[in-house]
Amino acid sequence: MNDTKDRRRWAGLVFISIAVSLIIVDSTIVNVAVPSIVEELTISSTEVQWVQEAYTLVFASFLLVFGSLADRFGRRRLMLIGVGIFTLASIAAALAPTGGLLIASRLVQGIGGAMILPTTLSIINATFRGRERGIAFAVWGSTIGGMAAVGPLLGGWLTTAFSWRWAFGINIPLGVIIVIGVALTVAESRSDRVEAIDGVGALLSVLTMAPLVFGLIEGRTYGWWTVDTAPAIGDWTWPLSLSPVPIAFAVALVALIAFVAWGLRRQRAGRSTLLAFGLFRITSFRNGNIAAAVVSLGEFGIILALPLWLQFVVGFDALQTGLLLLSLAIGSFVASGIAGALSGKVTPVWIVRGGLLAEIIGVAGVAFTISPDATWGPLIPFLFVYGVGVGLATAQLTGVVLADVPPAASGQASGTQSTSRQLGAALGVAVLGTVLFSTTAGALTARLDDRGVPTAQSDQVVSQVVDSAGAAIGGLAASPQTQDLAIDARAAFSDGTRAAAFTAAAFLTLGLASTLTLGAGARRREPEKETAA
């Protein structure tokens, strides 16, 4: 009987990992498909960011909410509902006739994804104990690292051989497999304490995340302080000279302060809170979440820039781009073997630090190779090293963050940990996207001025290149009258991509520094208590 139960637990881990793959592949597969989406739906560079950010924004905003709901109403139940929502939204995205409807579909996907990710972690935390929990976390983390790299290859093949719409359509069979597998192999679990949901806290958490990411993305469009371009919806136009961006940042700050104050007040009154503030007294949990946010900021932002540069500047198609990024996937899978060999011999925090160092070397190396006439050869080893780093850091950091969390609080803890990662990822895409396009605009303007191009024409060319996220470069190159301008555009877009890569390396360096505070908590383990839990 115990053998059968044990086999079901590990089979369940397989389907949980496939569920993680569903949301991670989707968040990366879209990057390779974006150039084709740009050309077919004629979306702007701001919409390009929102195709990615609409998903990430909602995802990050609701992780805490659904992590808490899972503890109360059943982790498996919420996970299955999330897979269903995600799959239906994927169908809508695959059929979307406009950029606006695609973005709306991505918003709904984010809701489904926010139900899936924290429940996978909390199910693992509640199902496995001791050394088995460490192995399960390693499988979960390696899946994230590997699928983040396999996604571009799959997306490249689907986009080249069929259409970008299949980048979303692939989620349909995966969703069916997950629902059947999880229903058969994963036992339901929930917290013993069933309390009222903190609705005010949920609202404040959303009001913190949404305006923050909105401001980071739209700052270069609407203006960081005063209005550059007035937002308009139908006949209504933004009436103030003050940009909506600083207002959005102010709303986020006020909401964050209110969220913390409200949560502490409820905690002192003995009532349930969306975020278990008491968990932050656990050193490994508190410091690990800080490190996770900073690391994710550097890790995932660069994945937005590279496919655009490879296809619109270097001239790769989507499949070639995916094949090149396969070296990142191979590195991540190699990392899982390395982590297994080091288990028990090296403390997890040192594996995290080694992974981050490899990421820094890899992404900085990519930055140094970026040029308009770059070739695939020098990129492969650096992407491989970067992949090794992602695999090592992702798997072990999760284990460090949740190692000392009691199973009863696993949903809230995993939701918090996932929120930290997704907050970092959302900020990474927003910040590095802004670096990419702002640097490109500045560099192209300077080059066109040096060439003596009239201001009106220069502004038009810069607007075309930046608003199209680089897609207009091919059109400039095709016309004999604008071939020289295309050369400048390729150089400028390379400058922007290089700046984004170096920015990512800087954030990863900051993340490495933040792990220096993980020493005590990362070394502390209480296997006796875990076994007894």
Protein backbone atom coordinates (compact mmCIF):
# COMPACT_ATOMS: atom_id res chain seq x y z
CA MET A 1 0.00 0.00 0.00
CA ASN A 2 2.79 2.37 0.94
CA ASP A 3 4.64 1.50 -2.27
CA THR A 4 1.57 2.38 -4.32
CA LYS A 5 1.13 5.66 -2.45
CA ASP A 6 4.82 6.43 -2.92
CA ARG A 7 4.64 5.76 -6.66
CA ARG A 8 1.59 8.02 -6.93
CA ARG A 9 3.43 10.85 -5.18
CA TRP A 10 6.33 10.72 -7.61
CA ALA A 11 4.03 10.29 -10.62
CA GLY A 12 2.15 13.32 -9.35
CA LEU A 13 5.42 15.25 -9.29
CA VAL A 14 5.80 14.49 -13.01
CA PHE A 15 2.42 16.04 -13.82
CA ILE A 16 3.07 18.97 -11.47
CA SER A 17 6.31 19.59 -13.37
CA ILE A 18 4.40 19.47 -16.68
CA ALA A 19 2.03 22.09 -15.24
CA VAL A 20 5.02 24.28 -14.40
CA SER A 21 6.28 23.68 -17.93
CA LEU A 22 2.94 24.89 -19.31
CA ILE A 23 3.23 28.36 -17.79
CA ILE A 24 7.01 28.71 -18.14
CA VAL A 25 7.08 27.59 -21.78
CA ASP A 26 4.24 29.97 -22.55
CA SER A 27 6.07 32.92 -20.99
CA THR A 28 9.19 32.23 -23.11
CA ILE A 29 7.71 30.75 -26.29
CA VAL A 30 5.99 34.05 -27.02
CA ASN A 31 9.30 35.93 -27.20
CA VAL A 32 10.39 34.12 -30.37
CA ALA A 33 6.93 34.49 -31.87
CA VAL A 34 6.75 38.25 -31.19
CA PRO A 35 8.43 39.34 -34.47
CA SER A 36 5.83 37.37 -36.46
CA ILE A 37 3.05 38.80 -34.29
CA VAL A 38 4.40 42.31 -34.94
CA GLU A 39 4.31 41.76 -38.70
CA GLU A 40 0.87 40.12 -38.86
CA LEU A 41 -1.00 42.28 -36.32
CA THR A 42 1.13 45.46 -36.86
CA ILE A 43 1.50 46.11 -33.13
CA SER A 44 3.75 48.82 -31.66
CA SER A 45 6.82 48.34 -29.46
CA THR A 46 4.76 49.33 -26.40
CA GLU A 47 2.21 46.67 -27.33
CA VAL A 48 5.11 44.22 -27.75
CA GLN A 49 6.00 44.78 -24.11
CA TRP A 50 2.36 44.48 -23.09
CA VAL A 51 1.97 41.14 -24.91
CA GLN A 52 4.53 39.86 -22.41
CA GLU A 53 3.70 42.14 -19.49
CA ALA A 54 -0.09 41.66 -19.56
CA TYR A 55 0.54 38.06 -18.60
CA THR A 56 3.33 38.75 -16.12
CA LEU A 57 1.52 41.67 -14.50
CA VAL A 58 -1.67 39.73 -13.69
CA PHE A 59 0.40 36.67 -12.83
CA ALA A 60 2.43 38.54 -10.24
CA SER A 61 -0.54 40.50 -8.91
CA PHE A 62 -2.63 37.44 -8.03
CA LEU A 63 -0.02 34.93 -6.84
CA LEU A 64 -0.50 35.88 -3.19
CA VAL A 65 -4.28 35.77 -3.53
CA PHE A 66 -4.40 32.31 -5.08
CA GLY A 67 -1.64 30.93 -2.85
CA SER A 68 -3.82 31.82 0.14
CA LEU A 69 -7.01 30.51 -1.50
CA ALA A 70 -5.31 27.20 -2.27
CA ASP A 71 -4.52 26.63 1.40
CA ARG A 72 -8.18 27.10 2.29
CA PHE A 73 -10.14 25.52 -0.58
CA GLY A 74 -7.79 22.83 -1.79
CA ARG A 75 -4.51 23.05 -3.66
CA ARG A 76 -5.28 20.44 -6.30
CA ARG A 77 -8.73 21.92 -6.92
CA LEU A 78 -7.36 25.41 -7.54
CA MET A 79 -4.59 24.04 -9.73
CA LEU A 80 -7.06 22.21 -11.98
CA ILE A 81 -9.25 25.32 -12.25
CA GLY A 82 -6.15 27.33 -13.18
CA VAL A 83 -5.15 24.87 -15.91
CA GLY A 84 -8.68 25.08 -17.35
CA ILE A 85 -8.66 28.90 -17.40
CA PHE A 86 -5.16 28.97 -18.87
CA THR A 87 -6.10 26.54 -21.64
CA LEU A 88 -9.26 28.44 -22.62
CA ALA A 89 -7.35 31.73 -22.67
CA SER A 90 -4.71 30.10 -24.87
CA ILE A 91 -7.41 29.24 -27.41
CA ALA A 92 -8.52 32.90 -27.40
CA ALA A 93 -4.92 34.07 -27.85
CA ALA A 94 -4.37 31.68 -30.76
CA LEU A 95 -7.46 33.07 -32.53
CA ALA A 96 -6.89 36.77 -31.66
CA PRO A 97 -7.39 39.02 -34.74
CA THR A 98 -5.90 42.16 -33.15
CA GLY A 99 -3.15 43.14 -30.75
CA GLY A 100 -5.69 44.38 -28.21
CA LEU A 101 -7.53 41.05 -28.08
CA LEU A 102 -4.23 39.19 -27.86
CA ILE A 103 -3.23 41.32 -24.86
CA ALA A 104 -6.65 40.71 -23.27
CA SER A 105 -6.20 36.95 -23.73
CA ARG A 106 -2.79 37.19 -22.11
CA LEU A 107 -4.37 38.93 -19.11
CA VAL A 108 -6.72 35.96 -18.61
CA GLN A 109 -3.81 33.55 -19.08
CA GLY A 110 -2.10 35.37 -16.23
CA ILE A 111 -5.03 34.57 -13.92
CA GLY A 112 -4.77 30.88 -14.78
CA GLY A 113 -1.00 30.89 -14.38
CA ALA A 114 -1.30 32.58 -10.98
CA MET A 115 -3.51 29.69 -9.85
CA ILE A 116 -1.07 27.06 -11.11
CA LEU A 117 2.38 28.12 -9.92
CA PRO A 118 1.90 28.59 -6.16
CA THR A 119 -0.23 25.45 -5.93
CA THR A 120 2.54 23.35 -7.51
CA LEU A 121 4.97 24.56 -4.87
CA SER A 122 2.55 24.17 -1.96
CA ILE A 123 1.58 20.64 -3.09
CA ILE A 124 5.27 19.68 -3.11
CA ASN A 125 5.83 21.30 0.26
CA ALA A 126 2.85 19.46 1.76
CA THR A 127 3.53 16.09 0.09
CA PHE A 128 7.26 15.57 0.55
CA ARG A 129 9.46 15.71 3.65
CA GLY A 130 13.16 15.86 4.46
CA ARG A 131 15.55 14.75 1.72
CA GLU A 132 12.67 13.86 -0.63
CA ARG A 133 11.44 17.45 -0.45
CA GLY A 134 14.86 18.66 -1.56
CA ILE A 135 14.81 16.27 -4.54
CA ALA A 136 11.27 17.36 -5.46
CA PHE A 137 12.26 21.04 -5.32
CA ALA A 138 15.29 20.28 -7.51
CA VAL A 139 13.04 18.62 -10.11
CA TRP A 140 10.62 21.58 -9.95
CA GLY A 141 13.41 24.15 -10.29
CA SER A 142 15.24 22.31 -13.05
CA THR A 143 11.96 22.13 -14.96
CA ILE A 144 11.65 25.91 -14.79
CA GLY A 145 15.22 26.45 -15.95
CA GLY A 146 14.98 23.90 -18.75
CA MET A 147 11.57 24.90 -20.02
CA ALA A 148 12.52 28.59 -20.01
CA ALA A 149 15.08 27.65 -22.63
CA VAL A 150 13.12 24.96 -24.53
CA GLY A 151 10.26 27.43 -25.03
CA PRO A 152 12.10 29.55 -27.63
CA LEU A 153 13.06 26.44 -29.63
CA LEU A 154 9.49 25.14 -29.63
CA GLY A 155 8.18 28.61 -30.44
CA GLY A 156 10.67 29.02 -33.26
CA TRP A 157 9.71 25.72 -34.84
CA LEU A 158 5.96 26.31 -34.53
CA THR A 159 6.23 29.88 -35.83
CA THR A 160 8.43 28.95 -38.79
CA ALA A 161 6.71 25.71 -39.78
CA PHE A 162 3.13 26.79 -39.07
CA SER A 163 2.18 30.13 -37.48
CA TRP A 164 2.79 32.12 -34.31
CA ARG A 165 -0.75 31.15 -33.34
CA TRP A 166 0.45 27.61 -32.66
CA ALA A 167 2.73 29.02 -29.96
CA PHE A 168 -0.51 29.34 -27.97
CA GLY A 169 -2.30 26.34 -29.50
CA ILE A 170 0.32 23.94 -28.10
CA ASN A 171 -1.10 24.66 -24.63
CA ILE A 172 -4.34 22.86 -25.43
CA PRO A 173 -3.04 19.23 -25.49
CA LEU A 174 -0.70 20.00 -22.59
CA GLY A 175 -3.64 21.27 -20.55
CA VAL A 176 -5.63 18.08 -21.18
CA ILE A 177 -2.68 15.89 -20.15
CA ILE A 178 -2.18 17.88 -16.94
CA VAL A 179 -5.84 17.74 -15.89
CA ILE A 180 -6.06 13.96 -16.38
CA GLY A 181 -2.68 13.26 -14.76
CA VAL A 182 -3.17 15.49 -11.73
CA ALA A 183 -6.70 14.18 -11.12
CA LEU A 184 -5.36 10.59 -11.05
CA THR A 185 -2.12 11.01 -9.11
CA VAL A 186 -2.19 14.11 -6.85
CA ALA A 187 -3.98 13.93 -3.49
CA GLU A 188 -5.99 16.92 -2.32
CA SER A 189 -4.49 18.96 0.51
CA ARG A 190 -5.47 22.11 2.40
CA SER A 191 -4.67 23.96 5.58
CA ASP A 192 -6.32 22.74 8.78
CA ARG A 193 -7.22 26.33 9.66
CA VAL A 194 -10.02 27.68 7.45
CA GLU A 195 -10.45 31.43 7.85
CA ALA A 196 -12.06 34.26 5.93
CA ILE A 197 -10.13 35.56 2.95
CA ASP A 198 -8.47 38.95 3.39
CA GLY A 199 -10.28 40.75 0.56
CA VAL A 200 -8.85 44.17 1.38
CA GLY A 201 -5.33 42.75 1.37
CA ALA A 202 -5.98 41.09 -1.99
CA LEU A 203 -7.16 44.39 -3.48
CA LEU A 204 -4.17 46.30 -2.08
CA SER A 205 -1.71 43.71 -3.43
CA VAL A 206 -3.15 44.16 -6.94
CA LEU A 207 -3.10 47.96 -6.56
CA THR A 208 0.59 47.73 -5.67
CA MET A 209 1.70 45.62 -8.61
CA ALA A 210 -0.44 46.85 -11.50
CA PRO A 211 0.42 50.60 -11.37
CA LEU A 212 4.11 49.86 -10.76
CA VAL A 213 4.54 47.75 -13.89
CA PHE A 214 2.27 50.09 -15.91
CA GLY A 215 4.51 53.05 -15.04
CA LEU A 216 7.72 51.24 -15.93
CA ILE A 217 6.41 50.20 -19.33
CA GLU A 218 4.59 53.37 -20.32
CA GLY A 219 7.12 55.90 -18.99
CA ARG A 220 8.95 56.26 -22.27
CA THR A 221 5.65 56.67 -24.13
CA TYR A 222 3.69 59.03 -21.88
CA GLY A 223 6.64 60.73 -20.18
CA TRP A 224 8.32 60.08 -16.83
CA TRP A 225 7.13 63.36 -15.29
CA THR A 226 5.39 65.67 -17.75
CA VAL A 227 3.26 64.42 -20.64
CA ASP A 228 5.12 63.59 -23.85
CA THR A 229 2.18 61.80 -25.46
CA ALA A 230 -1.24 62.23 -23.88
CA PRO A 231 -3.09 58.94 -23.26
CA ALA A 232 -6.41 58.75 -25.07
CA ILE A 233 -9.36 56.37 -24.95
CA GLY A 234 -11.94 57.09 -27.65
CA ASP A 235 -12.81 60.78 -27.47
CA TRP A 236 -11.30 61.20 -24.01
CA THR A 237 -7.75 62.56 -23.71
CA TRP A 238 -5.58 62.83 -20.59
CA PRO A 239 -6.28 66.40 -19.33
CA LEU A 240 -3.19 67.07 -17.16
CA SER A 241 0.30 68.26 -18.04
CA LEU A 242 1.54 65.82 -15.39
CA SER A 243 2.12 62.38 -16.90
CA PRO A 244 0.04 59.47 -15.53
CA VAL A 245 3.29 57.60 -14.87
CA PRO A 246 4.34 59.36 -11.62
CA ILE A 247 0.72 59.12 -10.48
CA ALA A 248 0.85 55.36 -11.08
CA PHE A 249 4.07 55.11 -9.06
CA ALA A 250 2.48 57.11 -6.22
CA VAL A 251 -0.57 54.82 -6.20
CA ALA A 252 1.72 51.77 -6.04
CA LEU A 253 3.70 53.23 -3.12
CA VAL A 254 0.58 54.20 -1.14
CA ALA A 255 -0.98 50.79 -1.81
CA LEU A 256 2.20 49.01 -0.66
CA ILE A 257 2.29 50.98 2.60
CA ALA A 258 -1.42 50.34 3.15
CA PHE A 259 -0.99 46.62 2.36
CA VAL A 260 1.75 46.21 4.98
CA ALA A 261 -0.09 48.31 7.60
CA TRP A 262 -3.36 46.46 7.01
CA GLY A 263 -1.71 43.05 7.18
CA LEU A 264 0.15 43.81 10.41
CA ARG A 265 -3.05 45.13 11.96
CA ARG A 266 -4.97 41.95 11.10
CA GLN A 267 -2.10 39.82 12.30
CA ARG A 268 -2.06 41.58 15.70
CA ALA A 269 -5.82 40.99 15.94
CA GLY A 270 -5.28 37.28 15.32
CA ARG A 271 -7.06 37.33 11.96
CA SER A 272 -5.94 35.77 8.68
CA THR A 273 -3.73 37.78 6.36
CA LEU A 274 -2.99 37.42 2.68
CA LEU A 275 0.73 37.46 3.39
CA ALA A 276 1.99 35.56 6.42
CA PHE A 277 4.10 38.36 7.85
CA GLY A 278 5.30 36.03 10.61
CA LEU A 279 7.16 33.97 7.99
CA PHE A 280 9.55 36.86 7.46
CA ARG A 281 10.98 36.12 10.90
CA ILE A 282 12.48 33.02 9.26
CA THR A 283 15.90 34.19 8.04
CA SER A 284 16.11 31.88 5.04
CA PHE A 285 12.60 32.86 3.90
CA ARG A 286 13.06 36.62 4.30
CA ASN A 287 16.51 36.91 2.73
CA GLY A 288 15.76 34.32 0.08
CA ASN A 289 12.76 36.27 -1.20
CA ILE A 290 14.87 39.40 -1.55
CA ALA A 291 17.47 37.46 -3.49
CA ALA A 292 14.80 35.77 -5.67
CA ALA A 293 13.30 39.10 -6.74
CA VAL A 294 16.64 40.65 -7.69
CA VAL A 295 17.85 37.52 -9.48
CA SER A 296 14.65 37.19 -11.55
CA LEU A 297 14.92 40.84 -12.55
CA GLY A 298 18.21 40.07 -14.26
CA GLU A 299 17.38 36.57 -15.51
CA PHE A 300 14.23 37.01 -17.56
CA GLY A 301 14.40 40.56 -18.86
CA ILE A 302 17.15 39.81 -21.37
CA ILE A 303 15.03 37.09 -23.01
CA LEU A 304 12.78 39.87 -24.39
CA ALA A 305 15.63 41.62 -26.23
CA LEU A 306 17.62 38.74 -27.72
CA PRO A 307 14.97 37.24 -30.09
CA LEU A 308 14.13 40.69 -31.49
CA TRP A 309 17.80 41.47 -32.13
CA LEU A 310 18.57 38.03 -33.61
CA GLN A 311 15.68 38.19 -36.08
CA PHE A 312 15.47 41.86 -37.05
CA VAL A 313 19.18 42.73 -36.96
CA VAL A 314 21.21 39.55 -37.45
CA GLY A 315 18.64 38.08 -39.85
CA PHE A 316 17.77 34.75 -38.20
CA ASP A 317 14.33 33.26 -38.66
CA ALA A 318 12.29 32.08 -35.67
CA LEU A 319 13.50 28.47 -35.92
CA GLN A 320 17.17 29.49 -36.11
CA THR A 321 16.65 31.73 -33.09
CA GLY A 322 15.11 28.86 -31.16
CA LEU A 323 17.95 26.52 -32.14
CA LEU A 324 20.51 29.04 -30.93
CA LEU A 325 18.72 29.42 -27.60
CA LEU A 326 18.67 25.62 -27.31
CA SER A 327 22.23 25.92 -25.97
CA LEU A 328 20.69 27.68 -22.97
CA ALA A 329 18.31 24.73 -22.46
CA ILE A 330 21.15 22.22 -22.67
CA GLY A 331 23.08 24.19 -20.08
CA SER A 332 20.08 24.19 -17.75
CA PHE A 333 19.61 20.43 -18.05
CA VAL A 334 23.33 19.89 -17.44
CA ALA A 335 22.94 22.00 -14.30
CA SER A 336 20.39 19.56 -12.86
CA GLY A 337 23.01 16.79 -13.05
CA ILE A 338 25.61 19.04 -11.46
CA ALA A 339 23.22 19.98 -8.64
CA GLY A 340 22.47 16.30 -8.00
CA ALA A 341 26.16 15.43 -7.82
CA LEU A 342 26.80 18.28 -5.38
CA SER A 343 23.79 17.48 -3.16
CA GLY A 344 24.94 16.75 0.37
CA LYS A 345 28.49 17.86 -0.44
CA VAL A 346 27.96 21.57 -0.96
CA THR A 347 25.42 23.73 0.89
CA PRO A 348 22.55 24.95 -1.32
CA VAL A 349 23.47 28.62 -0.91
CA TRP A 350 26.89 28.03 -2.46
CA ILE A 351 25.26 26.26 -5.41
CA VAL A 352 23.02 29.34 -5.79
CA ARG A 353 26.06 31.62 -5.73
CA GLY A 354 27.89 29.47 -8.28
CA GLY A 355 24.83 29.56 -10.52
CA LEU A 356 24.57 33.33 -10.32
CA LEU A 357 28.26 33.73 -11.11
CA ALA A 358 27.77 31.55 -14.20
CA GLU A 359 24.76 33.66 -15.23
CA ILE A 360 26.78 36.87 -14.90
CA ILE A 361 29.62 35.45 -17.01
CA GLY A 362 27.16 34.17 -19.61
CA VAL A 363 25.04 37.29 -20.05
CA ALA A 364 28.07 39.61 -19.96
CA GLY A 365 29.73 37.44 -22.59
CA VAL A 366 26.63 37.68 -24.77
CA ALA A 367 26.74 41.47 -24.37
CA PHE A 368 30.33 41.62 -25.61
CA THR A 369 29.46 39.57 -28.74
CA ILE A 370 26.48 41.71 -29.78
CA SER A 371 27.06 43.61 -33.02
CA PRO A 372 25.17 44.10 -36.30
CA ASP A 373 27.31 41.44 -38.01
CA ALA A 374 27.42 38.95 -35.14
CA THR A 375 27.47 35.22 -35.88
CA TRP A 376 26.06 32.31 -33.92
CA GLY A 377 29.43 30.77 -33.01
CA PRO A 378 30.53 33.05 -30.14
CA LEU A 379 27.00 33.23 -28.71
CA ILE A 380 26.59 29.49 -28.08
CA PRO A 381 29.17 28.98 -25.29
CA PHE A 382 28.00 32.06 -23.40
CA LEU A 383 24.34 31.04 -23.65
CA PHE A 384 25.31 27.55 -22.45
CA VAL A 385 27.10 28.97 -19.41
CA TYR A 386 24.12 31.23 -18.76
CA GLY A 387 21.81 28.20 -18.91
CA VAL A 388 23.94 26.29 -16.42
CA GLY A 389 23.67 29.23 -14.07
CA VAL A 390 19.89 29.50 -14.44
CA GLY A 391 19.47 25.80 -13.70
CA LEU A 392 21.66 25.87 -10.60
CA ALA A 393 20.29 29.09 -9.13
CA THR A 394 16.59 28.44 -9.82
CA ALA A 395 16.40 24.95 -8.31
CA GLN A 396 18.44 25.59 -5.19
CA LEU A 397 17.11 29.06 -4.37
CA THR A 398 13.57 27.71 -4.15
CA GLY A 399 14.69 25.05 -1.69
CA VAL A 400 16.53 27.62 0.42
CA VAL A 401 13.53 29.96 0.59
CA LEU A 402 11.00 27.29 1.62
CA ALA A 403 13.23 24.90 3.57
CA ASP A 404 12.19 26.11 7.04
CA VAL A 405 8.55 26.95 6.25
CA PRO A 406 5.98 24.75 8.08
CA PRO A 407 3.75 22.76 5.68
CA ALA A 408 0.58 24.43 7.00
CA ALA A 409 1.80 27.75 5.60
CA SER A 410 3.17 26.30 2.37
CA GLY A 411 0.56 27.94 0.12
CA GLN A 412 1.18 31.43 1.46
CA ALA A 413 4.93 30.86 1.50
CA SER A 414 5.07 29.52 -2.06
CA GLY A 415 2.79 32.33 -3.21
CA THR A 416 5.13 34.85 -1.62
CA GLN A 417 8.20 33.21 -3.13
CA SER A 418 6.57 33.03 -6.55
CA THR A 419 5.43 36.65 -6.21
CA SER A 420 9.01 37.69 -5.46
CA ARG A 421 10.19 35.93 -8.59
CA GLN A 422 7.40 37.25 -10.79
CA LEU A 423 7.76 40.76 -9.41
CA GLY A 424 11.41 40.57 -10.39
CA ALA A 425 10.55 39.12 -13.80
CA ALA A 426 7.89 41.78 -14.43
CA LEU A 427 10.26 44.56 -13.43
CA GLY A 428 13.00 42.95 -15.50
CA VAL A 429 10.94 42.91 -18.69
CA ALA A 430 9.74 46.47 -18.03
CA VAL A 431 13.13 47.91 -17.08
CA LEU A 432 15.22 46.09 -19.69
CA GLY A 433 12.57 46.73 -22.35
CA THR A 434 12.79 50.43 -21.54
CA VAL A 435 16.61 50.26 -21.67
CA LEU A 436 16.46 48.46 -25.02
CA PHE A 437 14.10 50.86 -26.78
CA SER A 438 15.31 54.09 -25.14
CA THR A 439 18.95 53.31 -25.93
CA THR A 440 18.02 52.32 -29.47
CA ALA A 441 16.13 55.60 -29.99
CA GLY A 442 18.99 57.70 -28.59
CA ALA A 443 21.71 55.88 -30.54
CA LEU A 444 19.76 55.99 -33.82
CA THR A 445 18.97 59.69 -33.42
CA ALA A 446 22.67 60.44 -32.87
CA ARG A 447 23.72 58.40 -35.91
CA LEU A 448 21.15 60.04 -38.17
CA ASP A 449 22.22 63.49 -36.94
CA ASP A 450 25.84 62.64 -37.78
CA ARG A 451 24.70 61.59 -41.24
CA GLY A 452 22.96 64.97 -41.67
CA VAL A 453 19.45 63.54 -41.98
CA PRO A 454 16.82 66.30 -41.54
CA THR A 455 15.14 66.31 -38.13
CA ALA A 456 11.68 65.52 -39.46
CA GLN A 457 12.92 62.50 -41.40
CA SER A 458 15.12 61.40 -38.50
CA ASP A 459 12.20 61.49 -36.09
CA GLN A 460 10.10 59.47 -38.52
CA VAL A 461 12.77 56.78 -38.96
CA VAL A 462 13.43 56.53 -35.21
CA SER A 463 9.71 56.25 -34.54
CA GLN A 464 9.31 53.53 -37.17
CA VAL A 465 12.18 51.44 -35.84
CA VAL A 466 11.36 51.78 -32.14
CA ASP A 467 7.57 51.53 -32.43
CA SER A 468 7.90 48.39 -34.55
CA ALA A 469 10.40 46.86 -32.07
CA GLY A 470 12.89 46.61 -34.93
CA ALA A 471 10.59 45.10 -37.55
CA ALA A 472 10.88 48.23 -39.76
CA ILE A 473 14.62 47.65 -40.29
CA GLY A 474 13.94 45.09 -43.02
CA GLY A 475 11.80 47.57 -44.93
CA LEU A 476 14.51 50.22 -44.72
CA ALA A 477 17.10 47.75 -46.00
CA ALA A 478 14.91 46.72 -48.95
CA SER A 479 14.82 50.23 -50.43
CA PRO A 480 17.99 51.61 -52.10
CA GLN A 481 17.10 55.09 -50.82
CA THR A 482 17.12 54.01 -47.18
CA GLN A 483 19.75 51.26 -47.07
CA ASP A 484 22.20 53.53 -45.23
CA LEU A 485 19.51 54.30 -42.67
CA ALA A 486 19.01 50.56 -42.17
CA ILE A 487 22.72 50.19 -41.39
CA ASP A 488 22.39 52.86 -38.71
CA ALA A 489 19.22 51.22 -37.38
CA ARG A 490 20.94 47.83 -37.06
CA ALA A 491 23.84 49.40 -35.21
CA ALA A 492 21.51 51.33 -32.90
CA PHE A 493 19.36 48.29 -32.12
CA SER A 494 22.55 46.37 -31.35
CA ASP A 495 23.55 49.17 -28.97
CA GLY A 496 20.17 48.89 -27.25
CA THR A 497 20.39 45.11 -26.94
CA ARG A 498 23.93 45.34 -25.58
CA ALA A 499 22.84 47.92 -23.01
CA ALA A 500 19.98 45.65 -21.92
CA ALA A 501 22.37 42.70 -21.55
CA PHE A 502 24.83 44.68 -19.44
CA THR A 503 21.94 45.95 -17.32
CA ALA A 504 20.83 42.36 -16.75
CA ALA A 505 24.38 41.44 -15.73
CA ALA A 506 24.39 44.33 -13.26
CA PHE A 507 21.16 43.15 -11.64
CA LEU A 508 22.48 39.59 -11.45
CA THR A 509 25.60 40.92 -9.73
CA LEU A 510 23.35 42.67 -7.23
CA GLY A 511 21.48 39.40 -6.77
CA LEU A 512 24.74 37.57 -6.10
CA ALA A 513 25.63 40.17 -3.48
CA SER A 514 22.20 39.73 -1.86
CA THR A 515 22.86 36.00 -1.33
CA LEU A 516 25.62 36.91 1.11
CA THR A 517 22.82 37.43 3.65
CA LEU A 518 21.57 33.85 3.17
CA GLY A 519 24.37 32.14 5.06
CA ALA A 520 22.75 31.36 8.40
CA GLY A 521 19.29 30.55 7.14
CA ALA A 522 20.59 28.51 4.20
CA ARG A 523 22.72 26.32 6.45
CA ARG A 524 20.04 25.76 9.05
CA ARG A 525 18.01 22.59 8.57
CA GLU A 526 15.77 20.80 11.03
CA PRO A 527 15.15 17.32 9.52
CA GLU A 528 13.72 15.98 12.78
CA LYS A 529 11.00 18.64 12.81
CA GLU A 530 10.27 18.20 9.14
CA THR A 531 9.86 14.44 9.54
CA ALA A 532 7.49 14.99 12.37
CA ALA A 533 5.43 17.62 10.57
